[in-house]
PDB file of N, CA and C in Angstrom:
ATOM      1  N   MET A   1     147.570  14.255  22.237  1.00  0.00           N
ATOM      2  CA  MET A   1     146.643  13.371  22.723  1.00  0.00           C
ATOM      3  C   MET A   1     146.651  12.705  24.097  1.00  0.00           C
ATOM      4  N   ALA A   2     148.368  13.341  24.892  1.00  0.00           N
ATOM      5  CA  ALA A   2     148.702  13.116  26.711  1.00  0.00           C
ATOM      6  C   ALA A   2     148.459  14.167  27.511  1.00  0.00           C
ATOM      7  N   VAL A   3     147.718  15.271  26.164  1.00  0.00           N
ATOM      8  CA  VAL A   3     147.797  16.107  26.952  1.00  0.00           C
ATOM      9  C   VAL A   3     146.355  16.440  27.158  1.00  0.00           C
ATOM     10  N   LEU A   4     145.715  15.576  26.729  1.00  0.00           N
ATOM     11  CA  LEU A   4     143.929  15.650  26.922  1.00  0.00           C
ATOM     12  C   LEU A   4     143.517  14.505  27.549  1.00  0.00           C
ATOM     13  N   ARG A   5     144.733  13.078  27.847  1.00  0.00           N
ATOM     14  CA  ARG A   5     144.432  12.044  28.830  1.00  0.00           C
ATOM     15  C   ARG A   5     144.865  12.606  30.120  1.00  0.00           C
ATOM     16  N   ALA A   6     145.775  13.482  30.022  1.00  0.00           N
ATOM     17  CA  ALA A   6     146.373  13.844  31.264  1.00  0.00           C
ATOM     18  C   ALA A   6     145.087  15.416  32.009  1.00  0.00           C
ATOM     19  N   GLY A   7     144.126  15.775  30.934  1.00  0.00           N
ATOM     20  CA  GLY A   7     143.311  16.195  31.977  1.00  0.00           C
ATOM     21  C   GLY A   7     142.940  17.477  31.081  1.00  0.00           C
ATOM     22  N   ALA A   8     143.734  18.137  30.626  1.00  0.00           N
ATOM     23  CA  ALA A   8     142.841  19.405  29.881  1.00  0.00           C
ATOM     24  C   ALA A   8     141.821  19.229  29.135  1.00  0.00           C
ATOM     25  N   LEU A   9     141.344  20.363  29.063  1.00  0.00           N
ATOM     26  CA  LEU A   9     140.037  20.707  28.235  1.00  0.00           C
ATOM     27  C   LEU A   9     140.241  21.233  27.449  1.00  0.00           C
ATOM     28  N   GLY A  10     140.772  22.017  27.181  1.00  0.00           N
ATOM     29  CA  GLY A  10     141.191  22.531  25.745  1.00  0.00           C
ATOM     30  C   GLY A  10     142.531  22.145  25.566  1.00  0.00           C
ATOM     31  N   TYR A  11     142.649  22.772  23.628  1.00  0.00           N
ATOM     32  CA  TYR A  11     143.985  22.984  22.976  1.00  0.00           C
ATOM     33  C   TYR A  11     143.821  23.743  21.910  1.00  0.00           C
ATOM     34  N   VAL A  12     144.593  24.719  22.077  1.00  0.00           N
ATOM     35  CA  VAL A  12     144.969  25.247  20.546  1.00  0.00           C
ATOM     36  C   VAL A  12     146.072  25.486  19.726  1.00  0.00           C
ATOM     37  N   ARG A  13     146.061  24.952  18.434  1.00  0.00           N
ATOM     38  CA  ARG A  13     147.394  25.311  17.977  1.00  0.00           C
ATOM     39  C   ARG A  13     148.342  26.720  18.341  1.00  0.00           C
ATOM     40  N   LYS A  14     149.143  26.608  18.387  1.00  0.00           N
ATOM     41  CA  LYS A  14     150.371  27.838  18.723  1.00  0.00           C
ATOM     42  C   LYS A  14     149.891  29.182  17.983  1.00  0.00           C
ATOM     43  N   ASP A  15     149.994  28.799  16.522  1.00  0.00           N
ATOM     44  CA  ASP A  15     149.385  29.624  15.530  1.00  0.00           C
ATOM     45  C   ASP A  15     148.403  30.277  15.515  1.00  0.00           C
ATOM     46  N   ALA A  16     147.381  29.725  16.001  1.00  0.00           N
ATOM     47  CA  ALA A  16     145.994  30.019  16.375  1.00  0.00           C
ATOM     48  C   ALA A  16     145.685  31.655  16.651  1.00  0.00           C
ATOM     49  N   GLU A  17     144.568  32.252  15.789  1.00  0.00           N
ATOM     50  CA  GLU A  17     144.464  33.547  15.918  1.00  0.00           C
ATOM     51  C   GLU A  17     144.297  34.309  17.133  1.00  0.00           C
ATOM     52  N   PRO A  18     144.604  35.220  17.525  1.00  0.00           N
ATOM     53  CA  PRO A  18     143.973  35.584  19.128  1.00  0.00           C
ATOM     54  C   PRO A  18     142.531  35.416  19.464  1.00  0.00           C
ATOM     55  N   GLU A  19     141.478  35.931  18.412  1.00  0.00           N
ATOM     56  CA  GLU A  19     139.897  35.268  18.128  1.00  0.00           C
ATOM     57  C   GLU A  19     140.280  34.619  18.903  1.00  0.00           C
ATOM     58  N   VAL A  20     140.592  33.265  18.207  1.00  0.00           N
ATOM     59  CA  VAL A  20     140.695  31.929  18.729  1.00  0.00           C
ATOM     60  C   VAL A  20     140.546  31.490  19.814  1.00  0.00           C
ATOM     61  N   LEU A  21     141.926  32.121  20.575  1.00  0.00           N
ATOM     62  CA  LEU A  21     142.601  31.438  21.495  1.00  0.00           C
ATOM     63  C   LEU A  21     141.673  32.403  22.963  1.00  0.00           C
ATOM     64  N   LEU A  22     141.514  33.296  22.433  1.00  0.00           N
ATOM     65  CA  LEU A  22     139.654  34.408  23.618  1.00  0.00           C
ATOM     66  C   LEU A  22     138.684  33.020  23.724  1.00  0.00           C
ATOM     67  N   ALA A  23     138.590  33.197  22.860  1.00  0.00           N
ATOM     68  CA  ALA A  23     137.447  32.227  22.567  1.00  0.00           C
ATOM     69  C   ALA A  23     137.403  30.602  23.347  1.00  0.00           C
ATOM     70  N   ALA A  24     138.571  30.198  23.506  1.00  0.00           N
ATOM     71  CA  ALA A  24     139.129  28.609  23.899  1.00  0.00           C
ATOM     72  C   ALA A  24     139.305  29.431  25.413  1.00  0.00           C
ATOM     73  N   VAL A  25     139.599  30.065  25.456  1.00  0.00           N
ATOM     74  CA  VAL A  25     139.977  30.352  26.936  1.00  0.00           C
ATOM     75  C   VAL A  25     138.517  30.463  27.843  1.00  0.00           C
ATOM     76  N   ARG A  26     137.788  31.001  27.212  1.00  0.00           N
ATOM     77  CA  ARG A  26     136.356  31.183  27.477  1.00  0.00           C
ATOM     78  C   ARG A  26     135.286  30.039  27.793  1.00  0.00           C
ATOM     79  N   ARG A  27     135.568  29.405  26.629  1.00  0.00           N
ATOM     80  CA  ARG A  27     135.112  28.105  26.855  1.00  0.00           C
ATOM     81  C   ARG A  27     135.061  27.372  28.254  1.00  0.00           C
ATOM     82  N   VAL A  28     136.926  27.427  28.120  1.00  0.00           N
ATOM     83  CA  VAL A  28     137.608  26.069  28.896  1.00  0.00           C
ATOM     84  C   VAL A  28     137.301  26.666  30.382  1.00  0.00           C
ATOM     85  N   ALA A  29     137.157  28.145  30.446  1.00  0.00           N
ATOM     86  CA  ALA A  29     136.718  28.970  32.147  1.00  0.00           C
ATOM     87  C   ALA A  29     135.520  28.912  32.482  1.00  0.00           C
ATOM     88  N   GLY A  30     134.335  28.571  31.305  1.00  0.00           N
ATOM     89  CA  GLY A  30     133.351  28.282  31.643  1.00  0.00           C
ATOM     90  C   GLY A  30     132.924  26.612  31.857  1.00  0.00           C
ATOM     91  N   GLY A  31     134.097  25.496  31.716  1.00  0.00           N
ATOM     92  CA  GLY A  31     133.965  24.032  31.687  1.00  0.00           C
ATOM     93  C   GLY A  31     133.579  23.525  31.402  1.00  0.00           C
ATOM     94  N   LYS A  32     133.229  24.186  29.479  1.00  0.00           N
ATOM     95  CA  LYS A  32     133.167  23.184  28.313  1.00  0.00           C
ATOM     96  C   LYS A  32     134.462  23.133  27.837  1.00  0.00           C
ATOM     97  N   PRO A  33     135.019  21.863  26.935  1.00  0.00           N
ATOM     98  CA  PRO A  33     136.074  21.846  26.199  1.00  0.00           C
ATOM     99  C   PRO A  33     136.011  22.074  24.932  1.00  0.00           C
ATOM    100  N   TYR A  34     137.465  22.644  24.434  1.00  0.00           N
ATOM    101  CA  TYR A  34     137.781  23.565  23.265  1.00  0.00           C
ATOM    102  C   TYR A  34     138.997  22.925  22.913  1.00  0.00           C
ATOM    103  N   ILE A  35     138.618  22.199  21.384  1.00  0.00           N
ATOM    104  CA  ILE A  35     139.774  21.519  20.350  1.00  0.00           C
ATOM    105  C   ILE A  35     139.971  22.338  19.453  1.00  0.00           C
ATOM    106  N   ASP A  36     140.730  22.829  18.720  1.00  0.00           N
ATOM    107  CA  ASP A  36     141.273  23.528  17.886  1.00  0.00           C
ATOM    108  C   ASP A  36     140.406  23.059  16.158  1.00  0.00           C
ATOM    109  N   PRO A  37     139.813  23.568  15.508  1.00  0.00           N
ATOM    110  CA  PRO A  37     138.748  22.493  14.662  1.00  0.00           C
ATOM    111  C   PRO A  37     139.738  21.956  13.651  1.00  0.00           C
ATOM    112  N   GLY A  38     141.357  22.872  13.378  1.00  0.00           N
ATOM    113  CA  GLY A  38     142.139  22.646  12.250  1.00  0.00           C
ATOM    114  C   GLY A  38     142.468  21.310  13.066  1.00  0.00           C
ATOM    115  N   ILE A  39     142.916  20.638  14.044  1.00  0.00           N
ATOM    116  CA  ILE A  39     143.430  19.522  14.364  1.00  0.00           C
ATOM    117  C   ILE A  39     142.225  18.260  14.693  1.00  0.00           C
ATOM    118  N   THR A  40     141.345  18.168  14.540  1.00  0.00           N
ATOM    119  CA  THR A  40     140.418  17.175  15.133  1.00  0.00           C
ATOM    120  C   THR A  40     140.303  15.742  13.973  1.00  0.00           C
ATOM    121  N   THR A  41     141.119  15.836  12.456  1.00  0.00           N
ATOM    122  CA  THR A  41     141.551  14.429  11.948  1.00  0.00           C
ATOM    123  C   THR A  41     142.727  14.376  12.765  1.00  0.00           C
ATOM    124  N   GLN A  42     143.884  14.937  12.607  1.00  0.00           N
ATOM    125  CA  GLN A  42     145.915  14.641  13.513  1.00  0.00           C
ATOM    126  C   GLN A  42     144.673  13.748  14.854  1.00  0.00           C
ATOM    127  N   LEU A  43     143.612  14.425  15.758  1.00  0.00           N
ATOM    128  CA  LEU A  43     143.405  13.827  17.232  1.00  0.00           C
ATOM    129  C   LEU A  43     143.108  12.792  16.512  1.00  0.00           C
ATOM    130  N   VAL A  44     141.909  12.217  15.934  1.00  0.00           N
ATOM    131  CA  VAL A  44     141.671  10.919  14.999  1.00  0.00           C
ATOM    132  C   VAL A  44     142.192  10.187  15.057  1.00  0.00           C
ATOM    133  N   HIS A  45     142.824  10.195  13.858  1.00  0.00           N
ATOM    134  CA  HIS A  45     144.796   9.545  13.797  1.00  0.00           C
ATOM    135  C   HIS A  45     145.508   8.911  14.438  1.00  0.00           C
ATOM    136  N   ALA A  46     145.615  10.124  15.447  1.00  0.00           N
ATOM    137  CA  ALA A  46     146.242   9.660  16.669  1.00  0.00           C
ATOM    138  C   ALA A  46     145.713   8.860  17.780  1.00  0.00           C
ATOM    139  N   ALA A  47     143.979   8.808  17.750  1.00  0.00           N
ATOM    140  CA  ALA A  47     143.719   8.032  18.784  1.00  0.00           C
ATOM    141  C   ALA A  47     143.115   6.748  18.463  1.00  0.00           C
ATOM    142  N   ALA A  48     143.463   6.693  17.006  1.00  0.00           N
ATOM    143  CA  ALA A  48     143.822   5.358  16.260  1.00  0.00           C
ATOM    144  C   ALA A  48     144.638   4.784  16.968  1.00  0.00           C
ATOM    145  N   SER A  49     145.631   5.538  16.576  1.00  0.00           N
ATOM    146  CA  SER A  49     146.791   4.748  16.576  1.00  0.00           C
ATOM    147  C   SER A  49     147.336   4.522  18.092  1.00  0.00           C
ATOM    148  N   ASP A  50     146.995   5.233  18.653  1.00  0.00           N
ATOM    149  CA  ASP A  50     147.072   4.399  20.339  1.00  0.00           C
ATOM    150  C   ASP A  50     146.512   3.236  20.843  1.00  0.00           C
ATOM    151  N   GLU A  51     145.483   3.236  20.068  1.00  0.00           N
ATOM    152  CA  GLU A  51     144.809   1.638  20.473  1.00  0.00           C
ATOM    153  C   GLU A  51     145.559   0.388  20.677  1.00  0.00           C
ATOM    154  N   LEU A  52     145.619  -0.536  20.958  1.00  0.00           N
ATOM    155  CA  LEU A  52     146.235  -1.468  21.383  1.00  0.00           C
ATOM    156  C   LEU A  52     145.902  -2.412  19.971  1.00  0.00           C
ATOM    157  N   THR A  53     146.618  -3.139  19.170  1.00  0.00           N
ATOM    158  CA  THR A  53     145.978  -4.622  18.329  1.00  0.00           C
ATOM    159  C   THR A  53     145.420  -5.792  19.450  1.00  0.00           C
ATOM    160  N   ALA A  54     144.775  -6.418  18.877  1.00  0.00           N
ATOM    161  CA  ALA A  54     144.625  -7.873  19.232  1.00  0.00           C
ATOM    162  C   ALA A  54     145.712  -8.724  19.864  1.00  0.00           C
ATOM    163  N   ARG A  55     146.558  -8.733  18.847  1.00  0.00           N
ATOM    164  CA  ARG A  55     147.703  -9.453  19.199  1.00  0.00           C
ATOM    165  C   ARG A  55     148.639  -8.414  20.354  1.00  0.00           C
ATOM    166  N   GLU A  56     148.582  -7.137  20.161  1.00  0.00           N
ATOM    167  CA  GLU A  56     149.447  -6.499  21.634  1.00  0.00           C
ATOM    168  C   GLU A  56     148.780  -6.470  22.918  1.00  0.00           C
ATOM    169  N   VAL A  57     147.677  -6.876  22.976  1.00  0.00           N
ATOM    170  CA  VAL A  57     146.654  -7.253  24.268  1.00  0.00           C
ATOM    171  C   VAL A  57     147.228  -8.139  24.354  1.00  0.00           C
ATOM    172  N   GLY A  58     147.049  -9.074  23.881  1.00  0.00           N
ATOM    173  CA  GLY A  58     147.775 -10.674  24.261  1.00  0.00           C
ATOM    174  C   GLY A  58     148.868 -10.479  24.400  1.00  0.00           C
ATOM    175  N   VAL A  59     149.506 -10.190  23.903  1.00  0.00           N
ATOM    176  CA  VAL A  59     151.351  -9.942  24.561  1.00  0.00           C
ATOM    177  C   VAL A  59     151.254  -8.939  25.973  1.00  0.00           C
ATOM    178  N   LEU A  60     150.272  -8.292  26.009  1.00  0.00           N
ATOM    179  CA  LEU A  60     150.071  -7.530  27.537  1.00  0.00           C
ATOM    180  C   LEU A  60     149.528  -8.349  28.556  1.00  0.00           C
ATOM    181  N   ARG A  61     149.009  -9.290  27.979  1.00  0.00           N
ATOM    182  CA  ARG A  61     148.532 -10.464  29.135  1.00  0.00           C
ATOM    183  C   ARG A  61     149.591 -11.105  29.400  1.00  0.00           C
ATOM    184  N   GLN A  62     150.702 -11.979  28.486  1.00  0.00           N
ATOM    185  CA  GLN A  62     151.251 -12.387  29.016  1.00  0.00           C
ATOM    186  C   GLN A  62     152.786 -12.055  29.511  1.00  0.00           C
ATOM    187  N   LEU A  63     152.970 -10.505  29.497  1.00  0.00           N
ATOM    188  CA  LEU A  63     153.561  -9.825  30.184  1.00  0.00           C
ATOM    189  C   LEU A  63     152.844  -9.525  32.062  1.00  0.00           C
ATOM    190  N   ALA A  64     152.359  -8.956  32.165  1.00  0.00           N
ATOM    191  CA  ALA A  64     151.282  -9.200  33.362  1.00  0.00           C
ATOM    192  C   ALA A  64     151.528 -10.543  34.189  1.00  0.00           C
ATOM    193  N   LEU A  65     151.232 -11.722  33.417  1.00  0.00           N
ATOM    194  CA  LEU A  65     152.117 -12.732  33.933  1.00  0.00           C
ATOM    195  C   LEU A  65     153.421 -13.215  34.213  1.00  0.00           C
ATOM    196  N   GLY A  66     154.248 -12.148  34.284  1.00  0.00           N
ATOM    197  CA  GLY A  66     155.264 -12.473  34.251  1.00  0.00           C
ATOM    198  C   GLY A  66     156.272 -13.122  33.502  1.00  0.00           C
ATOM    199  N   ARG A  67     155.802 -13.360  31.925  1.00  0.00           N
ATOM    200  CA  ARG A  67     156.481 -13.900  31.194  1.00  0.00           C
ATOM    201  C   ARG A  67     157.941 -13.250  30.541  1.00  0.00           C
ATOM    202  N   SER A  68     158.588 -14.206  29.599  1.00  0.00           N
ATOM    203  CA  SER A  68     159.775 -13.632  29.597  1.00  0.00           C
ATOM    204  C   SER A  68     159.450 -13.828  27.737  1.00  0.00           C
ATOM    205  N   ASN A  69     160.468 -13.172  27.280  1.00  0.00           N
ATOM    206  CA  ASN A  69     160.026 -12.753  25.597  1.00  0.00           C
ATOM    207  C   ASN A  69     160.086 -14.158  25.205  1.00  0.00           C
ATOM    208  N   LYS A  70     160.744 -15.358  25.392  1.00  0.00           N
ATOM    209  CA  LYS A  70     161.148 -16.440  25.253  1.00  0.00           C
ATOM    210  C   LYS A  70     159.513 -17.532  25.792  1.00  0.00           C
ATOM    211  N   GLU A  71     159.137 -17.156  26.717  1.00  0.00           N
ATOM    212  CA  GLU A  71     157.817 -17.942  26.859  1.00  0.00           C
ATOM    213  C   GLU A  71     156.603 -17.528  26.188  1.00  0.00           C
ATOM    214  N   ILE A  72     156.246 -15.872  26.430  1.00  0.00           N
ATOM    215  CA  ILE A  72     155.751 -15.613  25.233  1.00  0.00           C
ATOM    216  C   ILE A  72     155.632 -15.945  23.860  1.00  0.00           C
ATOM    217  N   ALA A  73     156.381 -15.844  22.775  1.00  0.00           N
ATOM    218  CA  ALA A  73     156.616 -16.495  22.180  1.00  0.00           C
ATOM    219  C   ALA A  73     156.172 -18.133  21.764  1.00  0.00           C
ATOM    220  N   ALA A  74     156.620 -18.789  22.722  1.00  0.00           N
ATOM    221  CA  ALA A  74     156.217 -20.108  22.701  1.00  0.00           C
ATOM    222  C   ALA A  74     154.745 -20.394  22.889  1.00  0.00           C
ATOM    223  N   SER A  75     154.105 -19.596  23.494  1.00  0.00           N
ATOM    224  CA  SER A  75     152.890 -19.460  23.972  1.00  0.00           C
ATOM    225  C   SER A  75     151.650 -18.940  23.016  1.00  0.00           C
ATOM    226  N   LEU A  76     152.474 -18.096  22.097  1.00  0.00           N
ATOM    227  CA  LEU A  76     151.828 -16.983  20.963  1.00  0.00           C
ATOM    228  C   LEU A  76     152.275 -17.981  19.384  1.00  0.00           C
ATOM    229  N   ALA A  77     152.823 -18.817  19.408  1.00  0.00           N
ATOM    230  CA  ALA A  77     153.622 -19.307  18.154  1.00  0.00           C
ATOM    231  C   ALA A  77     153.907 -18.372  17.608  1.00  0.00           C
ATOM    232  N   ILE A  78     154.608 -17.507  18.008  1.00  0.00           N
ATOM    233  CA  ILE A  78     155.637 -15.915  17.440  1.00  0.00           C
ATOM    234  C   ILE A  78     156.633 -16.319  17.259  1.00  0.00           C
ATOM    235  N   SER A  79     157.621 -15.494  16.624  1.00  0.00           N
ATOM    236  CA  SER A  79     159.035 -15.400  17.252  1.00  0.00           C
ATOM    237  C   SER A  79     159.812 -14.547  18.142  1.00  0.00           C
ATOM    238  N   ASP A  80     160.572 -14.658  18.652  1.00  0.00           N
ATOM    239  CA  ASP A  80     161.019 -13.769  19.793  1.00  0.00           C
ATOM    240  C   ASP A  80     161.176 -12.280  19.002  1.00  0.00           C
ATOM    241  N   GLU A  81     161.963 -12.505  18.095  1.00  0.00           N
ATOM    242  CA  GLU A  81     162.070 -10.993  17.633  1.00  0.00           C
ATOM    243  C   GLU A  81     159.927 -10.282  17.597  1.00  0.00           C
ATOM    244  N   THR A  82     159.494 -10.838  16.744  1.00  0.00           N
ATOM    245  CA  THR A  82     158.057 -10.523  16.808  1.00  0.00           C
ATOM    246  C   THR A  82     157.311 -10.481  18.365  1.00  0.00           C
ATOM    247  N   VAL A  83     157.800 -11.090  19.303  1.00  0.00           N
ATOM    248  CA  VAL A  83     157.550 -10.351  20.483  1.00  0.00           C
ATOM    249  C   VAL A  83     158.297  -8.689  21.111  1.00  0.00           C
ATOM    250  N   LYS A  84     159.279  -8.786  21.037  1.00  0.00           N
ATOM    251  CA  LYS A  84     160.288  -7.840  20.822  1.00  0.00           C
ATOM    252  C   LYS A  84     159.815  -6.642  20.781  1.00  0.00           C
ATOM    253  N   THR A  85     159.591  -6.838  19.211  1.00  0.00           N
ATOM    254  CA  THR A  85     158.299  -5.464  18.206  1.00  0.00           C
ATOM    255  C   THR A  85     156.816  -5.246  19.197  1.00  0.00           C
ATOM    256  N   HIS A  86     155.700  -6.224  19.126  1.00  0.00           N
ATOM    257  CA  HIS A  86     155.448  -6.237  20.022  1.00  0.00           C
ATOM    258  C   HIS A  86     155.153  -5.181  21.399  1.00  0.00           C
ATOM    259  N   VAL A  87     155.982  -5.659  22.110  1.00  0.00           N
ATOM    260  CA  VAL A  87     156.386  -5.285  23.748  1.00  0.00           C
ATOM    261  C   VAL A  87     156.460  -3.763  22.904  1.00  0.00           C
ATOM    262  N   GLY A  88     157.488  -3.312  22.110  1.00  0.00           N
ATOM    263  CA  GLY A  88     157.652  -1.657  21.805  1.00  0.00           C
ATOM    264  C   GLY A  88     156.988  -1.201  21.622  1.00  0.00           C
ATOM    265  N   HIS A  89     155.902  -1.574  20.465  1.00  0.00           N
ATOM    266  CA  HIS A  89     154.654  -1.126  20.249  1.00  0.00           C
ATOM    267  C   HIS A  89     153.543  -0.872  21.807  1.00  0.00           C
ATOM    268  N   VAL A  90     153.520  -1.674  22.417  1.00  0.00           N
ATOM    269  CA  VAL A  90     152.958  -1.759  23.581  1.00  0.00           C
ATOM    270  C   VAL A  90     153.169  -0.483  24.921  1.00  0.00           C
ATOM    271  N   LEU A  91     154.891  -0.236  25.203  1.00  0.00           N
ATOM    272  CA  LEU A  91     155.108   0.687  25.340  1.00  0.00           C
ATOM    273  C   LEU A  91     154.613   2.031  25.284  1.00  0.00           C
ATOM    274  N   GLY A  92     154.974   2.088  23.768  1.00  0.00           N
ATOM    275  CA  GLY A  92     154.655   3.353  23.507  1.00  0.00           C
ATOM    276  C   GLY A  92     153.710   4.052  23.200  1.00  0.00           C
ATOM    277  N   LYS A  93     152.410   3.133  22.706  1.00  0.00           N
ATOM    278  CA  LYS A  93     151.347   3.168  23.127  1.00  0.00           C
ATOM    279  C   LYS A  93     150.837   3.629  24.485  1.00  0.00           C
ATOM    280  N   LEU A  94     151.441   2.969  25.599  1.00  0.00           N
ATOM    281  CA  LEU A  94     150.835   3.316  26.647  1.00  0.00           C
ATOM    282  C   LEU A  94     151.387   4.843  27.659  1.00  0.00           C
ATOM    283  N   GLN A  95     152.657   4.899  26.937  1.00  0.00           N
ATOM    284  CA  GLN A  95     153.560   5.647  27.265  1.00  0.00           C
ATOM    285  C   GLN A  95     154.352   5.410  28.377  1.00  0.00           C
ATOM    286  N   ALA A  96     154.513   3.863  28.522  1.00  0.00           N
ATOM    287  CA  ALA A  96     155.410   3.388  29.618  1.00  0.00           C
ATOM    288  C   ALA A  96     157.092   3.074  29.405  1.00  0.00           C
ATOM    289  N   ASP A  97     157.864   3.075  30.384  1.00  0.00           N
ATOM    290  CA  ASP A  97     159.359   3.094  30.146  1.00  0.00           C
ATOM    291  C   ASP A  97     160.081   1.935  30.421  1.00  0.00           C
ATOM    292  N   ASN A  98     159.222   0.442  30.908  1.00  0.00           N
ATOM    293  CA  ASN A  98     159.308  -0.239  30.920  1.00  0.00           C
ATOM    294  C   ASN A  98     157.841  -1.374  31.162  1.00  0.00           C
ATOM    295  N   ARG A  99     158.083  -2.593  31.542  1.00  0.00           N
ATOM    296  CA  ARG A  99     157.295  -3.602  31.587  1.00  0.00           C
ATOM    297  C   ARG A  99     156.262  -2.904  32.960  1.00  0.00           C
ATOM    298  N   THR A 100     156.741  -2.853  34.003  1.00  0.00           N
ATOM    299  CA  THR A 100     155.790  -3.025  34.630  1.00  0.00           C
ATOM    300  C   THR A 100     154.842  -1.695  35.002  1.00  0.00           C
ATOM    301  N   GLN A 101     155.713  -0.420  33.867  1.00  0.00           N
ATOM    302  CA  GLN A 101     154.550   0.495  34.001  1.00  0.00           C
ATOM    303  C   GLN A 101     153.296   0.679  32.722  1.00  0.00           C
ATOM    304  N   ALA A 102     153.931  -0.558  32.421  1.00  0.00           N
ATOM    305  CA  ALA A 102     152.542  -0.925  30.820  1.00  0.00           C
ATOM    306  C   ALA A 102     151.391  -1.806  31.710  1.00  0.00           C
ATOM    307  N   ILE A 103     152.290  -2.596  32.730  1.00  0.00           N
ATOM    308  CA  ILE A 103     151.274  -3.397  33.169  1.00  0.00           C
ATOM    309  C   ILE A 103     150.350  -2.139  33.820  1.00  0.00           C
ATOM    310  N   VAL A 104     150.366  -1.502  34.804  1.00  0.00           N
ATOM    311  CA  VAL A 104     149.653  -0.587  35.711  1.00  0.00           C
ATOM    312  C   VAL A 104     149.128   0.488  34.765  1.00  0.00           C
ATOM    313  N   GLN A 105     149.237   0.790  33.797  1.00  0.00           N
ATOM    314  CA  GLN A 105     148.578   1.365  32.475  1.00  0.00           C
ATOM    315  C   GLN A 105     147.577   0.412  32.265  1.00  0.00           C
ATOM    316  N   ALA A 106     147.811  -1.029  32.184  1.00  0.00           N
ATOM    317  CA  ALA A 106     146.560  -1.302  31.448  1.00  0.00           C
ATOM    318  C   ALA A 106     145.385  -1.878  32.300  1.00  0.00           C
ATOM    319  N   LEU A 107     145.643  -1.843  33.477  1.00  0.00           N
ATOM    320  CA  LEU A 107     144.968  -1.845  34.655  1.00  0.00           C
ATOM    321  C   LEU A 107     144.285  -0.790  34.854  1.00  0.00           C
ATOM    322  N   LYS A 108     144.963   0.022  35.049  1.00  0.00           N
ATOM    323  CA  LYS A 108     144.062   1.421  35.167  1.00  0.00           C
ATOM    324  C   LYS A 108     143.376   2.110  33.925  1.00  0.00           C
ATOM    325  N   ARG A 109     143.421   1.589  32.807  1.00  0.00           N
ATOM    326  CA  ARG A 109     142.429   1.494  31.398  1.00  0.00           C
ATOM    327  C   ARG A 109     141.832   0.361  31.636  1.00  0.00           C
ATOM    328  N   GLY A 110     141.744  -0.338  32.101  1.00  0.00           N
ATOM    329  CA  GLY A 110     140.824  -1.356  32.154  1.00  0.00           C
ATOM    330  C   GLY A 110     141.320  -2.389  30.567  1.00  0.00           C
ATOM    331  N   LEU A 111     142.413  -2.647  30.302  1.00  0.00           N
ATOM    332  CA  LEU A 111     142.875  -3.667  29.267  1.00  0.00           C
ATOM    333  C   LEU A 111     142.944  -4.677  29.518  1.00  0.00           C
ATOM    334  N   ILE A 112     143.593  -5.017  30.762  1.00  0.00           N
ATOM    335  CA  ILE A 112     143.185  -6.273  31.892  1.00  0.00           C
ATOM    336  C   ILE A 112     142.965  -6.188  32.863  1.00  0.00           C
ATOM    337  N   GLY A 113     142.434  -6.602  33.026  1.00  0.00           N
ATOM    338  CA  GLY A 113     141.852  -7.177  34.473  1.00  0.00           C
ATOM    339  C   GLY A 113     142.488  -8.335  35.662  1.00  0.00           C
ATOM    340  N   LEU A 114     142.483  -7.951  37.312  1.00  0.00           N
ATOM    341  CA  LEU A 114     143.380  -8.574  38.116  1.00  0.00           C
ATOM    342  C   LEU A 114     142.493 -10.293  37.474  1.00  0.00           C
ATOM    343  N   GLU A 115     141.992 -10.109  37.382  1.00  0.00           N
ATOM    344  CA  GLU A 115     140.957 -11.793  37.441  1.00  0.00           C
ATOM    345  C   GLU A 115     141.831 -13.002  36.236  1.00  0.00           C
ATOM    346  N   GLU A 116     142.295 -12.005  35.187  1.00  0.00           N
ATOM    347  CA  GLU A 116     143.134 -12.655  34.532  1.00  0.00           C
ATOM    348  C   GLU A 116     144.571 -12.884  34.885  1.00  0.00           C
ATOM    349  N   LEU A 117     144.948 -12.317  36.139  1.00  0.00           N
ATOM    350  CA  LEU A 117     146.314 -12.359  36.707  1.00  0.00           C
ATOM    351  C   LEU A 117     146.412 -13.746  37.547  1.00  0.00           C
ATOM    352  N   GLU A 118     145.315 -14.521  38.025  1.00  0.00           N
ATOM    353  CA  GLU A 118     145.521 -15.105  38.997  1.00  0.00           C
ATOM    354  C   GLU A 118     145.471 -16.749  38.289  1.00  0.00           C
TER     355      GLU A 118
END
């Protein structure tokens, strides 16, 4: 998924037959996408697991407001440990190393808007 998000037009498994590789190269060279049919199910599952849950979006909004885990926990009526778990999921799903990167990714992807931060 990360490769496709980064702009790749095609994906072929490393054990693909030479004919499949050649067809993929021709298709992508023609400006059309090519995804190896053998991985479509995996891509669907990966895409679904990359989506943030409603609770994770709520935690992300609180992060964007600069709130601490303790403040988020109190605001959402959940434990500090649950907040830590949600923050970890958010960081992983947004492929962010820290809270700031997660907020930037959320803004880029339209998960949160600047108007929510006022």
